N, C-alpha and C. Protein backbone atom coordinates (compact mmCIF):
# COMPACT_ATOMS: atom_id res chain seq x y z
N UNK A 1 -68.90 87.07 -14.88
CA UNK A 1 -68.63 85.64 -14.83
C UNK A 1 -68.20 84.70 -13.79
N UNK A 2 -67.82 85.43 -13.09
CA UNK A 2 -67.26 84.82 -11.63
C UNK A 2 -68.48 84.77 -10.60
N UNK A 3 -69.53 85.46 -10.71
CA UNK A 3 -70.63 85.90 -9.99
C UNK A 3 -71.51 84.50 -10.24
N UNK A 4 -71.55 84.24 -11.71
CA UNK A 4 -72.46 83.34 -12.05
C UNK A 4 -71.84 81.86 -11.55
N UNK A 5 -70.58 81.79 -11.86
CA UNK A 5 -69.87 80.60 -11.27
C UNK A 5 -70.23 80.26 -9.73
N UNK A 6 -70.08 81.39 -9.13
CA UNK A 6 -70.25 81.72 -7.69
C UNK A 6 -71.48 80.99 -7.18
N UNK A 7 -72.50 81.56 -7.75
CA UNK A 7 -74.03 81.04 -7.90
C UNK A 7 -74.24 79.72 -7.91
N UNK A 8 -73.87 79.16 -8.97
CA UNK A 8 -73.90 77.57 -9.42
C UNK A 8 -73.24 76.91 -8.33
N UNK A 9 -72.04 77.06 -7.65
CA UNK A 9 -71.55 76.41 -6.93
C UNK A 9 -72.45 76.40 -5.58
N UNK A 10 -72.86 77.63 -5.15
CA UNK A 10 -73.51 77.85 -3.91
C UNK A 10 -75.00 76.69 -4.20
N UNK A 11 -75.57 76.74 -5.31
CA UNK A 11 -76.68 76.25 -5.31
C UNK A 11 -76.41 74.54 -5.30
N UNK A 12 -75.52 73.96 -6.09
CA UNK A 12 -74.97 72.53 -6.00
C UNK A 12 -74.57 72.33 -4.40
N UNK A 13 -74.13 73.09 -3.44
CA UNK A 13 -73.72 72.82 -2.29
C UNK A 13 -74.98 72.89 -1.28
N UNK A 14 -75.99 73.81 -1.52
CA UNK A 14 -77.38 73.87 -0.67
C UNK A 14 -78.03 72.85 -1.43
N UNK A 15 -78.02 72.36 -2.41
CA UNK A 15 -78.82 71.30 -2.76
C UNK A 15 -78.07 69.93 -2.46
N UNK A 16 -77.07 69.82 -2.16
CA UNK A 16 -76.62 68.55 -1.54
C UNK A 16 -76.90 68.38 -0.40
N UNK A 17 -76.63 69.36 0.59
CA UNK A 17 -76.98 69.57 1.80
C UNK A 17 -78.67 69.00 2.22
N UNK A 18 -79.49 69.72 1.38
CA UNK A 18 -80.80 69.57 1.35
C UNK A 18 -81.22 67.76 1.33
N UNK A 19 -80.61 67.15 0.03
CA UNK A 19 -80.53 65.88 -0.38
C UNK A 19 -80.05 65.10 0.77
N UNK A 20 -78.87 65.49 1.74
CA UNK A 20 -78.53 64.66 2.69
C UNK A 20 -79.46 64.75 3.79
N UNK A 21 -80.15 66.00 4.14
CA UNK A 21 -80.72 66.10 5.42
C UNK A 21 -82.22 65.30 5.16
N UNK A 22 -82.55 65.36 3.96
CA UNK A 22 -83.82 64.49 3.57
C UNK A 22 -83.57 62.82 3.62
N UNK A 23 -82.61 62.41 3.43
CA UNK A 23 -82.18 61.07 3.08
C UNK A 23 -82.09 60.58 4.93
N UNK A 24 -81.41 61.56 5.67
CA UNK A 24 -81.24 61.25 6.89
C UNK A 24 -82.22 61.23 7.64
N UNK A 25 -83.35 61.72 7.46
CA UNK A 25 -84.90 61.91 8.12
C UNK A 25 -85.47 60.93 7.85
N UNK A 26 -85.42 60.23 6.45
CA UNK A 26 -86.47 58.98 6.15
C UNK A 26 -85.88 58.04 6.71
N UNK A 27 -84.62 57.65 7.45
CA UNK A 27 -84.58 56.37 7.89
C UNK A 27 -84.88 56.27 9.29
N UNK A 28 -85.96 56.64 10.18
CA UNK A 28 -86.10 57.02 11.42
C UNK A 28 -87.14 55.63 11.66
N UNK A 29 -86.86 55.15 12.74
CA UNK A 29 -87.75 53.65 13.07
C UNK A 29 -88.95 54.26 13.46
N UNK A 30 -90.31 53.21 13.26
CA UNK A 30 -91.46 53.72 13.60
C UNK A 30 -91.42 53.67 15.03
N UNK A 31 -92.77 54.49 15.42
CA UNK A 31 -93.00 54.51 16.78
C UNK A 31 -93.43 52.92 17.53
N UNK A 32 -92.97 52.62 18.45
CA UNK A 32 -93.31 51.50 19.15
C UNK A 32 -92.09 50.65 19.17
N UNK A 33 -91.10 50.70 18.51
CA UNK A 33 -89.97 49.79 18.51
C UNK A 33 -88.78 50.19 19.11
N UNK A 34 -88.34 49.40 20.14
CA UNK A 34 -87.22 49.81 20.86
C UNK A 34 -86.00 48.88 20.83
N UNK A 35 -85.40 49.71 21.03
CA UNK A 35 -83.70 48.58 20.78
C UNK A 35 -83.45 47.76 21.76
N UNK A 36 -82.81 46.43 21.36
CA UNK A 36 -82.70 45.34 22.33
C UNK A 36 -81.03 45.17 22.53
N UNK A 37 -80.78 45.41 23.93
CA UNK A 37 -79.59 44.97 24.13
C UNK A 37 -78.77 43.80 23.64
N UNK A 38 -77.60 43.84 23.36
CA UNK A 38 -76.82 42.50 22.92
C UNK A 38 -76.54 41.55 24.18
N UNK A 39 -76.78 40.59 23.69
CA UNK A 39 -76.51 39.32 24.84
C UNK A 39 -75.20 39.47 25.50
N UNK A 40 -74.00 39.77 24.81
CA UNK A 40 -72.96 40.01 25.66
C UNK A 40 -72.65 41.28 26.15
N UNK A 41 -73.59 42.39 26.15
CA UNK A 41 -73.65 43.47 26.88
C UNK A 41 -73.63 43.60 28.07
N UNK A 42 -72.61 43.13 28.96
CA UNK A 42 -72.53 42.93 30.27
C UNK A 42 -71.72 43.96 31.04
N UNK A 43 -71.20 45.09 30.18
CA UNK A 43 -70.33 45.96 31.04
C UNK A 43 -71.24 46.93 31.64
């Protein structure tokens, strides 16, 4: 019974990490877009 619970916990952790990785990779800017500096960025 303990092994079953351990496997379920590992599957939840791995699944959560895969979901986080997928959502992190989906928010990249398209090619050709560059960041603009702020107007008060004189440092």
